Amino acid sequence: MSRKFGMLFLALALVGGSTLAAQGRGPKRYAITSDRAIVVTRDVLVKQGYEVIRVEDRGADRIIWYRRGNMGRGRGKGPPMKFIVRRVENRIVFVDAPSAILVDIDIRLRL
């Protein structure tokens, strides 16, 4: 009798674990074109004081290179940083984007 409960508990745990993982955890996905994502990202980065160095195309991915401007303090510009705008199944996913930038991108894309 306890073996049946053990197998039932294991089956419920496996099913319950997969439903929890499917409830919005992970990177956000947007149903927009990659061109619109690049334009919005560029606007947000410039508004926050970053300088967009270049945008590279690598297959379905676009890599955005950016760095911090000197903000008028005379300390030079920051080191180059990057994040990826990836196209996955007609959706756009931002990979390795800082949360402060991603919040503003999310707000702009919802408009």
PDB file of N, CA and C in Angstrom:
ATOM      1  N   MET A   1       0.824  -1.195   0.000  1.00  0.00           N
ATOM      2  CA  MET A   1       0.000   0.000   0.000  1.00  0.00           C
ATOM      3  C   MET A   1       0.865   1.255   0.000  1.00  0.00           C
ATOM      4  N   SER A   2       1.944   1.263   0.791  1.00  0.00           N
ATOM      5  CA  SER A   2       2.794   2.450   0.851  1.00  0.00           C
ATOM      6  C   SER A   2       3.571   2.632  -0.457  1.00  0.00           C
ATOM      7  N   ARG A   3       3.834   1.546  -1.163  1.00  0.00           N
ATOM      8  CA  ARG A   3       4.530   1.660  -2.440  1.00  0.00           C
ATOM      9  C   ARG A   3       3.667   2.406  -3.463  1.00  0.00           C
ATOM     10  N   LYS A   4       2.338   2.147  -3.447  1.00  0.00           N
ATOM     11  CA  LYS A   4       1.432   2.841  -4.352  1.00  0.00           C
ATOM     12  C   LYS A   4       1.410   4.339  -4.047  1.00  0.00           C
ATOM     13  N   PHE A   5       1.397   4.686  -2.761  1.00  0.00           N
ATOM     14  CA  PHE A   5       1.399   6.106  -2.385  1.00  0.00           C
ATOM     15  C   PHE A   5       2.722   6.771  -2.772  1.00  0.00           C
ATOM     16  N   GLY A   6       3.796   6.036  -2.653  1.00  0.00           N
ATOM     17  CA  GLY A   6       5.098   6.572  -3.045  1.00  0.00           C
ATOM     18  C   GLY A   6       5.160   6.864  -4.536  1.00  0.00           C
ATOM     19  N   MET A   7       4.652   5.949  -5.350  1.00  0.00           N
ATOM     20  CA  MET A   7       4.636   6.155  -6.793  1.00  0.00           C
ATOM     21  C   MET A   7       3.689   7.302  -7.171  1.00  0.00           C
ATOM     22  N   LEU A   8       2.541   7.382  -6.477  1.00  0.00           N
ATOM     23  CA  LEU A   8       1.593   8.457  -6.736  1.00  0.00           C
ATOM     24  C   LEU A   8       2.202   9.809  -6.360  1.00  0.00           C
ATOM     25  N   PHE A   9       2.880   9.854  -5.223  1.00  0.00           N
ATOM     26  CA  PHE A   9       3.531  11.091  -4.776  1.00  0.00           C
ATOM     27  C   PHE A   9       4.618  11.514  -5.760  1.00  0.00           C
ATOM     28  N   LEU A  10       5.391  10.566  -6.247  1.00  0.00           N
ATOM     29  CA  LEU A  10       6.441  10.867  -7.214  1.00  0.00           C
ATOM     30  C   LEU A  10       5.850  11.404  -8.520  1.00  0.00           C
ATOM     31  N   ALA A  11       4.768  10.807  -8.983  1.00  0.00           N
ATOM     32  CA  ALA A  11       4.120  11.271 -10.214  1.00  0.00           C
ATOM     33  C   ALA A  11       3.557  12.675 -10.041  1.00  0.00           C
ATOM     34  N   LEU A  12       2.934  12.949  -8.901  1.00  0.00           N
ATOM     35  CA  LEU A  12       2.395  14.286  -8.653  1.00  0.00           C
ATOM     36  C   LEU A  12       3.501  15.324  -8.518  1.00  0.00           C
ATOM     37  N   ALA A  13       4.610  14.933  -7.926  1.00  0.00           N
ATOM     38  CA  ALA A  13       5.731  15.860  -7.777  1.00  0.00           C
ATOM     39  C   ALA A  13       6.315  16.225  -9.135  1.00  0.00           C
ATOM     40  N   LEU A  14       6.425  15.250 -10.035  1.00  0.00           N
ATOM     41  CA  LEU A  14       6.948  15.518 -11.370  1.00  0.00           C
ATOM     42  C   LEU A  14       6.016  16.428 -12.163  1.00  0.00           C
ATOM     43  N   VAL A  15       4.707  16.170 -12.075  1.00  0.00           N
ATOM     44  CA  VAL A  15       3.739  16.992 -12.795  1.00  0.00           C
ATOM     45  C   VAL A  15       3.683  18.387 -12.179  1.00  0.00           C
ATOM     46  N   GLY A  16       3.681  18.483 -10.861  1.00  0.00           N
ATOM     47  CA  GLY A  16       3.628  19.777 -10.179  1.00  0.00           C
ATOM     48  C   GLY A  16       4.867  20.607 -10.447  1.00  0.00           C
ATOM     49  N   GLY A  17       6.028  19.993 -10.521  1.00  0.00           N
ATOM     50  CA  GLY A  17       7.265  20.715 -10.790  1.00  0.00           C
ATOM     51  C   GLY A  17       7.296  21.309 -12.183  1.00  0.00           C
ATOM     52  N   SER A  18       6.750  20.583 -13.146  1.00  0.00           N
ATOM     53  CA  SER A  18       6.764  21.103 -14.518  1.00  0.00           C
ATOM     54  C   SER A  18       5.774  22.248 -14.689  1.00  0.00           C
ATOM     55  N   THR A  19       4.667  22.237 -13.954  1.00  0.00           N
ATOM     56  CA  THR A  19       3.716  23.345 -14.081  1.00  0.00           C
ATOM     57  C   THR A  19       4.245  24.597 -13.408  1.00  0.00           C
ATOM     58  N   LEU A  20       5.019  24.457 -12.339  1.00  0.00           N
ATOM     59  CA  LEU A  20       5.593  25.629 -11.699  1.00  0.00           C
ATOM     60  C   LEU A  20       6.637  26.289 -12.587  1.00  0.00           C
ATOM     61  N   ALA A  21       7.378  25.490 -13.315  1.00  0.00           N
ATOM     62  CA  ALA A  21       8.404  26.049 -14.196  1.00  0.00           C
ATOM     63  C   ALA A  21       7.776  26.767 -15.387  1.00  0.00           C
ATOM     64  N   ALA A  22       6.543  26.439 -15.722  1.00  0.00           N
ATOM     65  CA  ALA A  22       5.907  27.033 -16.898  1.00  0.00           C
ATOM     66  C   ALA A  22       5.065  28.252 -16.568  1.00  0.00           C
ATOM     67  N   GLN A  23       5.178  28.804 -15.385  1.00  0.00           N
ATOM     68  CA  GLN A  23       4.324  29.910 -14.998  1.00  0.00           C
ATOM     69  C   GLN A  23       5.057  31.248 -15.020  1.00  0.00           C
ATOM     70  N   GLY A  24       5.718  31.541 -16.121  1.00  0.00           N
ATOM     71  CA  GLY A  24       6.287  32.864 -16.284  1.00  0.00           C
ATOM     72  C   GLY A  24       7.685  33.040 -15.727  1.00  0.00           C
ATOM     73  N   ARG A  25       8.307  32.039 -15.254  1.00  0.00           N
ATOM     74  CA  ARG A  25       9.670  32.157 -14.766  1.00  0.00           C
ATOM     75  C   ARG A  25      10.610  32.092 -15.960  1.00  0.00           C
ATOM     76  N   GLY A  26      11.647  32.902 -15.963  1.00  0.00           N
ATOM     77  CA  GLY A  26      12.582  32.904 -17.073  1.00  0.00           C
ATOM     78  C   GLY A  26      12.543  34.217 -17.822  1.00  0.00           C
ATOM     79  N   PRO A  27      13.235  34.287 -18.954  1.00  0.00           N
ATOM     80  CA  PRO A  27      13.300  35.557 -19.689  1.00  0.00           C
ATOM     81  C   PRO A  27      11.951  35.934 -20.279  1.00  0.00           C
ATOM     82  N   LYS A  28      11.707  37.247 -20.363  1.00  0.00           N
ATOM     83  CA  LYS A  28      10.468  37.730 -20.949  1.00  0.00           C
ATOM     84  C   LYS A  28      10.532  37.595 -22.453  1.00  0.00           C
ATOM     85  N   ARG A  29       9.385  37.349 -23.070  1.00  0.00           N
ATOM     86  CA  ARG A  29       9.298  37.194 -24.510  1.00  0.00           C
ATOM     87  C   ARG A  29       8.282  38.196 -25.038  1.00  0.00           C
ATOM     88  N   TYR A  30       8.601  38.800 -26.173  1.00  0.00           N
ATOM     89  CA  TYR A  30       7.756  39.825 -26.757  1.00  0.00           C
ATOM     90  C   TYR A  30       7.414  39.444 -28.192  1.00  0.00           C
ATOM     91  N   ALA A  31       6.185  39.680 -28.601  1.00  0.00           N
ATOM     92  CA  ALA A  31       5.745  39.385 -29.964  1.00  0.00           C
ATOM     93  C   ALA A  31       5.886  40.644 -30.814  1.00  0.00           C
ATOM     94  N   ILE A  32       7.122  41.027 -31.106  1.00  0.00           N
ATOM     95  CA  ILE A  32       7.418  42.205 -31.919  1.00  0.00           C
ATOM     96  C   ILE A  32       8.513  41.832 -32.912  1.00  0.00           C
ATOM     97  N   THR A  33       8.795  42.736 -33.827  1.00  0.00           N
ATOM     98  CA  THR A  33       9.886  42.484 -34.765  1.00  0.00           C
ATOM     99  C   THR A  33      11.209  42.818 -34.093  1.00  0.00           C
ATOM    100  N   SER A  34      12.269  42.230 -34.590  1.00  0.00           N
ATOM    101  CA  SER A  34      13.579  42.497 -34.006  1.00  0.00           C
ATOM    102  C   SER A  34      14.033  43.925 -34.292  1.00  0.00           C
ATOM    103  N   ASP A  35      13.572  44.509 -35.405  1.00  0.00           N
ATOM    104  CA  ASP A  35      13.913  45.902 -35.692  1.00  0.00           C
ATOM    105  C   ASP A  35      13.321  46.842 -34.654  1.00  0.00           C
ATOM    106  N   ARG A  36      12.067  46.612 -34.271  1.00  0.00           N
ATOM    107  CA  ARG A  36      11.442  47.444 -33.231  1.00  0.00           C
ATOM    108  C   ARG A  36      12.156  47.258 -31.901  1.00  0.00           C
ATOM    109  N   ALA A  37      12.565  46.043 -31.596  1.00  0.00           N
ATOM    110  CA  ALA A  37      13.289  45.788 -30.350  1.00  0.00           C
ATOM    111  C   ALA A  37      14.609  46.544 -30.321  1.00  0.00           C
ATOM    112  N   ILE A  38      15.313  46.606 -31.441  1.00  0.00           N
ATOM    113  CA  ILE A  38      16.588  47.321 -31.506  1.00  0.00           C
ATOM    114  C   ILE A  38      16.365  48.818 -31.339  1.00  0.00           C
ATOM    115  N   VAL A  39      15.340  49.371 -31.994  1.00  0.00           N
ATOM    116  CA  VAL A  39      15.058  50.805 -31.891  1.00  0.00           C
ATOM    117  C   VAL A  39      14.707  51.191 -30.455  1.00  0.00           C
ATOM    118  N   VAL A  40      13.843  50.406 -29.822  1.00  0.00           N
ATOM    119  CA  VAL A  40      13.451  50.691 -28.435  1.00  0.00           C
ATOM    120  C   VAL A  40      14.643  50.549 -27.503  1.00  0.00           C
ATOM    121  N   THR A  41      15.453  49.522 -27.702  1.00  0.00           N
ATOM    122  CA  THR A  41      16.630  49.308 -26.862  1.00  0.00           C
ATOM    123  C   THR A  41      17.615  50.459 -27.001  1.00  0.00           C
ATOM    124  N   ARG A  42      17.831  50.907 -28.215  1.00  0.00           N
ATOM    125  CA  ARG A  42      18.740  52.033 -28.455  1.00  0.00           C
ATOM    126  C   ARG A  42      18.231  53.297 -27.759  1.00  0.00           C
ATOM    127  N   ASP A  43      16.928  53.563 -27.856  1.00  0.00           N
ATOM    128  CA  ASP A  43      16.347  54.737 -27.191  1.00  0.00           C
ATOM    129  C   ASP A  43      16.507  54.669 -25.677  1.00  0.00           C
ATOM    130  N   VAL A  44      16.247  53.492 -25.101  1.00  0.00           N
ATOM    131  CA  VAL A  44      16.359  53.332 -23.647  1.00  0.00           C
ATOM    132  C   VAL A  44      17.803  53.494 -23.190  1.00  0.00           C
ATOM    133  N   LEU A  45      18.744  52.904 -23.917  1.00  0.00           N
ATOM    134  CA  LEU A  45      20.154  53.012 -23.540  1.00  0.00           C
ATOM    135  C   LEU A  45      20.628  54.465 -23.587  1.00  0.00           C
ATOM    136  N   VAL A  46      20.265  55.195 -24.631  1.00  0.00           N
ATOM    137  CA  VAL A  46      20.684  56.590 -24.744  1.00  0.00           C
ATOM    138  C   VAL A  46      20.041  57.434 -23.651  1.00  0.00           C
ATOM    139  N   LYS A  47      18.785  57.170 -23.351  1.00  0.00           N
ATOM    140  CA  LYS A  47      18.092  57.924 -22.300  1.00  0.00           C
ATOM    141  C   LYS A  47      18.722  57.691 -20.924  1.00  0.00           C
ATOM    142  N   GLN A  48      19.251  56.496 -20.687  1.00  0.00           N
ATOM    143  CA  GLN A  48      19.870  56.188 -19.400  1.00  0.00           C
ATOM    144  C   GLN A  48      21.338  56.581 -19.334  1.00  0.00           C
ATOM    145  N   GLY A  49      21.879  57.193 -20.387  1.00  0.00           N
ATOM    146  CA  GLY A  49      23.247  57.685 -20.361  1.00  0.00           C
ATOM    147  C   GLY A  49      24.281  56.745 -20.934  1.00  0.00           C
ATOM    148  N   TYR A  50      23.838  55.732 -21.659  1.00  0.00           N
ATOM    149  CA  TYR A  50      24.759  54.801 -22.298  1.00  0.00           C
ATOM    150  C   TYR A  50      24.984  55.222 -23.744  1.00  0.00           C
ATOM    151  N   GLU A  51      26.057  54.751 -24.324  1.00  0.00           N
ATOM    152  CA  GLU A  51      26.372  54.987 -25.730  1.00  0.00           C
ATOM    153  C   GLU A  51      26.352  53.639 -26.440  1.00  0.00           C
ATOM    154  N   VAL A  52      25.576  53.537 -27.511  1.00  0.00           N
ATOM    155  CA  VAL A  52      25.526  52.299 -28.292  1.00  0.00           C
ATOM    156  C   VAL A  52      26.719  52.308 -29.237  1.00  0.00           C
ATOM    157  N   ILE A  53      27.606  51.328 -29.085  1.00  0.00           N
ATOM    158  CA  ILE A  53      28.812  51.255 -29.902  1.00  0.00           C
ATOM    159  C   ILE A  53      28.490  50.656 -31.263  1.00  0.00           C
ATOM    160  N   ARG A  54      27.869  49.477 -31.266  1.00  0.00           N
ATOM    161  CA  ARG A  54      27.508  48.836 -32.526  1.00  0.00           C
ATOM    162  C   ARG A  54      26.463  47.757 -32.275  1.00  0.00           C
ATOM    163  N   VAL A  55      25.821  47.344 -33.354  1.00  0.00           N
ATOM    164  CA  VAL A  55      24.845  46.258 -33.326  1.00  0.00           C
ATOM    165  C   VAL A  55      25.291  45.241 -34.364  1.00  0.00           C
ATOM    166  N   GLU A  56      25.545  44.006 -33.919  1.00  0.00           N
ATOM    167  CA  GLU A  56      26.011  42.939 -34.815  1.00  0.00           C
ATOM    168  C   GLU A  56      24.876  41.964 -35.094  1.00  0.00           C
ATOM    169  N   ASP A  57      24.805  41.491 -36.330  1.00  0.00           N
ATOM    170  CA  ASP A  57      23.864  40.436 -36.707  1.00  0.00           C
ATOM    171  C   ASP A  57      24.606  39.116 -36.742  1.00  0.00           C
ATOM    172  N   ARG A  58      24.093  38.129 -36.008  1.00  0.00           N
ATOM    173  CA  ARG A  58      24.652  36.776 -36.036  1.00  0.00           C
ATOM    174  C   ARG A  58      23.497  35.789 -36.141  1.00  0.00           C
ATOM    175  N   GLY A  59      23.084  35.536 -37.357  1.00  0.00           N
ATOM    176  CA  GLY A  59      21.968  34.620 -37.574  1.00  0.00           C
ATOM    177  C   GLY A  59      20.673  35.229 -37.063  1.00  0.00           C
ATOM    178  N   ALA A  60      20.005  34.524 -36.168  1.00  0.00           N
ATOM    179  CA  ALA A  60      18.757  35.024 -35.583  1.00  0.00           C
ATOM    180  C   ALA A  60      19.010  35.947 -34.401  1.00  0.00           C
ATOM    181  N   ASP A  61      20.262  36.100 -33.984  1.00  0.00           N
ATOM    182  CA  ASP A  61      20.602  36.936 -32.828  1.00  0.00           C
ATOM    183  C   ASP A  61      21.134  38.285 -33.281  1.00  0.00           C
ATOM    184  N   ARG A  62      20.901  39.286 -32.469  1.00  0.00           N
ATOM    185  CA  ARG A  62      21.527  40.592 -32.651  1.00  0.00           C
ATOM    186  C   ARG A  62      22.218  40.938 -31.347  1.00  0.00           C
ATOM    187  N   ILE A  63      23.488  41.257 -31.444  1.00  0.00           N
ATOM    188  CA  ILE A  63      24.287  41.587 -30.263  1.00  0.00           C
ATOM    189  C   ILE A  63      24.446  43.095 -30.209  1.00  0.00           C
ATOM    190  N   ILE A  64      24.049  43.679 -29.085  1.00  0.00           N
ATOM    191  CA  ILE A  64      24.143  45.118 -28.894  1.00  0.00           C
ATOM    192  C   ILE A  64      25.321  45.403 -27.971  1.00  0.00           C
ATOM    193  N   TRP A  65      26.306  46.130 -28.482  1.00  0.00           N
ATOM    194  CA  TRP A  65      27.464  46.554 -27.699  1.00  0.00           C
ATOM    195  C   TRP A  65      27.220  47.981 -27.245  1.00  0.00           C
ATOM    196  N   TYR A  66      27.404  48.244 -25.960  1.00  0.00           N
ATOM    197  CA  TYR A  66      27.175  49.567 -25.419  1.00  0.00           C
ATOM    198  C   TYR A  66      28.166  49.830 -24.300  1.00  0.00           C
ATOM    199  N   ARG A  67      28.272  51.099 -23.894  1.00  0.00           N
ATOM    200  CA  ARG A  67      29.111  51.444 -22.750  1.00  0.00           C
ATOM    201  C   ARG A  67      28.576  52.706 -22.107  1.00  0.00           C
ATOM    202  N   ARG A  68      28.976  52.909 -20.894  1.00  0.00           N
ATOM    203  CA  ARG A  68      28.534  54.068 -20.123  1.00  0.00           C
ATOM    204  C   ARG A  68      29.254  55.306 -20.624  1.00  0.00           C
ATOM    205  N   GLY A  69      28.519  56.391 -20.840  1.00  0.00           N
ATOM    206  CA  GLY A  69      29.135  57.659 -21.205  1.00  0.00           C
ATOM    207  C   GLY A  69      29.783  58.275 -19.979  1.00  0.00           C
ATOM    208  N   ASN A  70      30.523  59.347 -20.148  1.00  0.00           N
ATOM    209  CA  ASN A  70      31.224  59.925 -19.000  1.00  0.00           C
ATOM    210  C   ASN A  70      30.307  60.779 -18.138  1.00  0.00           C
ATOM    211  N   MET A  71      29.102  61.061 -18.605  1.00  0.00           N
ATOM    212  CA  MET A  71      28.095  61.789 -17.833  1.00  0.00           C
ATOM    213  C   MET A  71      28.584  63.167 -17.378  1.00  0.00           C
ATOM    214  N   GLY A  72      29.546  63.765 -18.085  1.00  0.00           N
ATOM    215  CA  GLY A  72      30.010  65.108 -17.764  1.00  0.00           C
ATOM    216  C   GLY A  72      30.949  65.185 -16.576  1.00  0.00           C
ATOM    217  N   ARG A  73      31.445  64.063 -16.113  1.00  0.00           N
ATOM    218  CA  ARG A  73      32.311  64.066 -14.926  1.00  0.00           C
ATOM    219  C   ARG A  73      33.786  63.999 -15.291  1.00  0.00           C
ATOM    220  N   GLY A  74      34.111  63.831 -16.580  1.00  0.00           N
ATOM    221  CA  GLY A  74      35.499  63.814 -17.001  1.00  0.00           C
ATOM    222  C   GLY A  74      36.259  62.569 -16.617  1.00  0.00           C
ATOM    223  N   ARG A  75      35.587  61.473 -16.367  1.00  0.00           N
ATOM    224  CA  ARG A  75      36.268  60.236 -15.960  1.00  0.00           C
ATOM    225  C   ARG A  75      36.366  59.233 -17.102  1.00  0.00           C
ATOM    226  N   GLY A  76      36.085  59.653 -18.313  1.00  0.00           N
ATOM    227  CA  GLY A  76      36.168  58.740 -19.443  1.00  0.00           C
ATOM    228  C   GLY A  76      34.926  57.896 -19.573  1.00  0.00           C
ATOM    229  N   LYS A  77      34.922  57.047 -20.568  1.00  0.00           N
ATOM    230  CA  LYS A  77      33.778  56.188 -20.828  1.00  0.00           C
ATOM    231  C   LYS A  77      34.011  54.817 -20.227  1.00  0.00           C
ATOM    232  N   GLY A  78      32.932  54.118 -19.972  1.00  0.00           N
ATOM    233  CA  GLY A  78      33.017  52.826 -19.322  1.00  0.00           C
ATOM    234  C   GLY A  78      33.479  51.725 -20.262  1.00  0.00           C
ATOM    235  N   PRO A  79      33.669  50.530 -19.718  1.00  0.00           N
ATOM    236  CA  PRO A  79      34.096  49.395 -20.548  1.00  0.00           C
ATOM    237  C   PRO A  79      32.951  48.920 -21.449  1.00  0.00           C
ATOM    238  N   PRO A  80      33.276  48.344 -22.598  1.00  0.00           N
ATOM    239  CA  PRO A  80      32.216  47.826 -23.478  1.00  0.00           C
ATOM    240  C   PRO A  80      31.477  46.662 -22.825  1.00  0.00           C
ATOM    241  N   MET A  81      30.148  46.684 -22.932  1.00  0.00           N
ATOM    242  CA  MET A  81      29.300  45.619 -22.419  1.00  0.00           C
ATOM    243  C   MET A  81      28.375  45.199 -23.551  1.00  0.00           C
ATOM    244  N   LYS A  82      27.760  44.044 -23.413  1.00  0.00           N
ATOM    245  CA  LYS A  82      26.875  43.568 -24.477  1.00  0.00           C
ATOM    246  C   LYS A  82      25.706  42.815 -23.896  1.00  0.00           C
ATOM    247  N   PHE A  83      24.631  42.770 -24.673  1.00  0.00           N
ATOM    248  CA  PHE A  83      23.569  41.810 -24.443  1.00  0.00           C
ATOM    249  C   PHE A  83      22.963  41.420 -25.774  1.00  0.00           C
ATOM    250  N   ILE A  84      22.190  40.353 -25.750  1.00  0.00           N
ATOM    251  CA  ILE A  84      21.733  39.708 -26.975  1.00  0.00           C
ATOM    252  C   ILE A  84      20.225  39.850 -27.097  1.00  0.00           C
ATOM    253  N   VAL A  85      19.771  40.193 -28.296  1.00  0.00           N
ATOM    254  CA  VAL A  85      18.357  40.179 -28.631  1.00  0.00           C
ATOM    255  C   VAL A  85      18.174  38.971 -29.546  1.00  0.00           C
ATOM    256  N   ARG A  86      17.480  37.964 -29.050  1.00  0.00           N
ATOM    257  CA  ARG A  86      17.370  36.678 -29.747  1.00  0.00           C
ATOM    258  C   ARG A  86      15.944  36.466 -30.248  1.00  0.00           C
ATOM    259  N   ARG A  87      15.812  35.953 -31.447  1.00  0.00           N
ATOM    260  CA  ARG A  87      14.514  35.618 -32.016  1.00  0.00           C
ATOM    261  C   ARG A  87      14.261  34.134 -31.793  1.00  0.00           C
ATOM    262  N   VAL A  88      13.183  33.807 -31.053  1.00  0.00           N
ATOM    263  CA  VAL A  88      12.834  32.421 -30.741  1.00  0.00           C
ATOM    264  C   VAL A  88      11.349  32.230 -31.035  1.00  0.00           C
ATOM    265  N   GLU A  89      11.042  31.433 -32.041  1.00  0.00           N
ATOM    266  CA  GLU A  89       9.658  31.087 -32.380  1.00  0.00           C
ATOM    267  C   GLU A  89       8.759  32.316 -32.470  1.00  0.00           C
ATOM    268  N   ASN A  90       9.080  33.257 -33.318  1.00  0.00           N
ATOM    269  CA  ASN A  90       8.302  34.479 -33.531  1.00  0.00           C
ATOM    270  C   ASN A  90       8.193  35.351 -32.284  1.00  0.00           C
ATOM    271  N   ARG A  91       9.117  35.213 -31.378  1.00  0.00           N
ATOM    272  CA  ARG A  91       9.173  36.036 -30.167  1.00  0.00           C
ATOM    273  C   ARG A  91      10.577  36.593 -30.026  1.00  0.00           C
ATOM    274  N   ILE A  92      10.697  37.702 -29.328  1.00  0.00           N
ATOM    275  CA  ILE A  92      11.981  38.323 -29.041  1.00  0.00           C
ATOM    276  C   ILE A  92      12.318  38.079 -27.581  1.00  0.00           C
ATOM    277  N   VAL A  93      13.544  37.638 -27.317  1.00  0.00           N
ATOM    278  CA  VAL A  93      14.012  37.382 -25.955  1.00  0.00           C
ATOM    279  C   VAL A  93      15.285  38.189 -25.735  1.00  0.00           C
ATOM    280  N   PHE A  94      15.357  38.904 -24.615  1.00  0.00           N
ATOM    281  CA  PHE A  94      16.549  39.655 -24.248  1.00  0.00           C
ATOM    282  C   PHE A  94      17.389  38.784 -23.321  1.00  0.00           C
ATOM    283  N   VAL A  95      18.646  38.530 -23.716  1.00  0.00           N
ATOM    284  CA  VAL A  95      19.530  37.655 -22.953  1.00  0.00           C
ATOM    285  C   VAL A  95      20.655  38.494 -22.357  1.00  0.00           C
ATOM    286  N   ASP A  96      20.951  38.297 -21.092  1.00  0.00           N
ATOM    287  CA  ASP A  96      22.021  38.976 -20.362  1.00  0.00           C
ATOM    288  C   ASP A  96      21.830  40.485 -20.286  1.00  0.00           C
ATOM    289  N   ALA A  97      20.606  40.956 -20.322  1.00  0.00           N
ATOM    290  CA  ALA A  97      20.349  42.387 -20.200  1.00  0.00           C
ATOM    291  C   ALA A  97      20.265  42.760 -18.716  1.00  0.00           C
ATOM    292  N   PRO A  98      20.887  43.866 -18.301  1.00  0.00           N
ATOM    293  CA  PRO A  98      20.775  44.303 -16.906  1.00  0.00           C
ATOM    294  C   PRO A  98      19.322  44.622 -16.561  1.00  0.00           C
ATOM    295  N   SER A  99      18.937  44.353 -15.333  1.00  0.00           N
ATOM    296  CA  SER A  99      17.533  44.505 -14.951  1.00  0.00           C
ATOM    297  C   SER A  99      17.065  45.956 -15.026  1.00  0.00           C
ATOM    298  N   ALA A 100      17.932  46.931 -14.733  1.00  0.00           N
ATOM    299  CA  ALA A 100      17.527  48.335 -14.798  1.00  0.00           C
ATOM    300  C   ALA A 100      17.178  48.734 -16.231  1.00  0.00           C
ATOM    301  N   ILE A 101      17.913  48.218 -17.182  1.00  0.00           N
ATOM    302  CA  ILE A 101      17.637  48.515 -18.590  1.00  0.00           C
ATOM    303  C   ILE A 101      16.421  47.731 -19.061  1.00  0.00           C
ATOM    304  N   LEU A 102      16.306  46.482 -18.633  1.00  0.00           N
ATOM    305  CA  LEU A 102      15.209  45.627 -19.073  1.00  0.00           C
ATOM    306  C   LEU A 102      13.860  46.136 -18.589  1.00  0.00           C
ATOM    307  N   VAL A 103      13.820  46.757 -17.427  1.00  0.00           N
ATOM    308  CA  VAL A 103      12.563  47.311 -16.916  1.00  0.00           C
ATOM    309  C   VAL A 103      12.065  48.421 -17.840  1.00  0.00           C
ATOM    310  N   ASP A 104      12.955  49.327 -18.238  1.00  0.00           N
ATOM    311  CA  ASP A 104      12.554  50.415 -19.128  1.00  0.00           C
ATOM    312  C   ASP A 104      12.191  49.899 -20.512  1.00  0.00           C
ATOM    313  N   ILE A 105      12.902  48.889 -20.997  1.00  0.00           N
ATOM    314  CA  ILE A 105      12.553  48.290 -22.291  1.00  0.00           C
ATOM    315  C   ILE A 105      11.161  47.676 -22.220  1.00  0.00           C
ATOM    316  N   ASP A 106      10.868  46.989 -21.127  1.00  0.00           N
ATOM    317  CA  ASP A 106       9.573  46.363 -20.941  1.00  0.00           C
ATOM    318  C   ASP A 106       8.462  47.414 -20.950  1.00  0.00           C
ATOM    319  N   ILE A 107       8.672  48.527 -20.281  1.00  0.00           N
ATOM    320  CA  ILE A 107       7.669  49.589 -20.245  1.00  0.00           C
ATOM    321  C   ILE A 107       7.445  50.162 -21.635  1.00  0.00           C
ATOM    322  N   ARG A 108       8.519  50.414 -22.368  1.00  0.00           N
ATOM    323  CA  ARG A 108       8.398  50.987 -23.714  1.00  0.00           C
ATOM    324  C   ARG A 108       7.732  50.010 -24.693  1.00  0.00           C
ATOM    325  N   LEU A 109       7.979  48.711 -24.540  1.00  0.00           N
ATOM    326  CA  LEU A 109       7.393  47.748 -25.467  1.00  0.00           C
ATOM    327  C   LEU A 109       5.915  47.500 -25.186  1.00  0.00           C
ATOM    328  N   ARG A 110       5.462  47.775 -23.984  1.00  0.00           N
ATOM    329  CA  ARG A 110       4.051  47.603 -23.661  1.00  0.00           C
ATOM    330  C   ARG A 110       3.187  48.731 -24.206  1.00  0.00           C
ATOM    331  N   LEU A 111       3.790  49.865 -24.530  1.00  0.00           N
ATOM    332  CA  LEU A 111       3.014  51.024 -25.011  1.00  0.00           C
ATOM    333  C   LEU A 111       2.461  50.798 -26.370  1.00  0.00           C
TER     334      LEU A 111
END
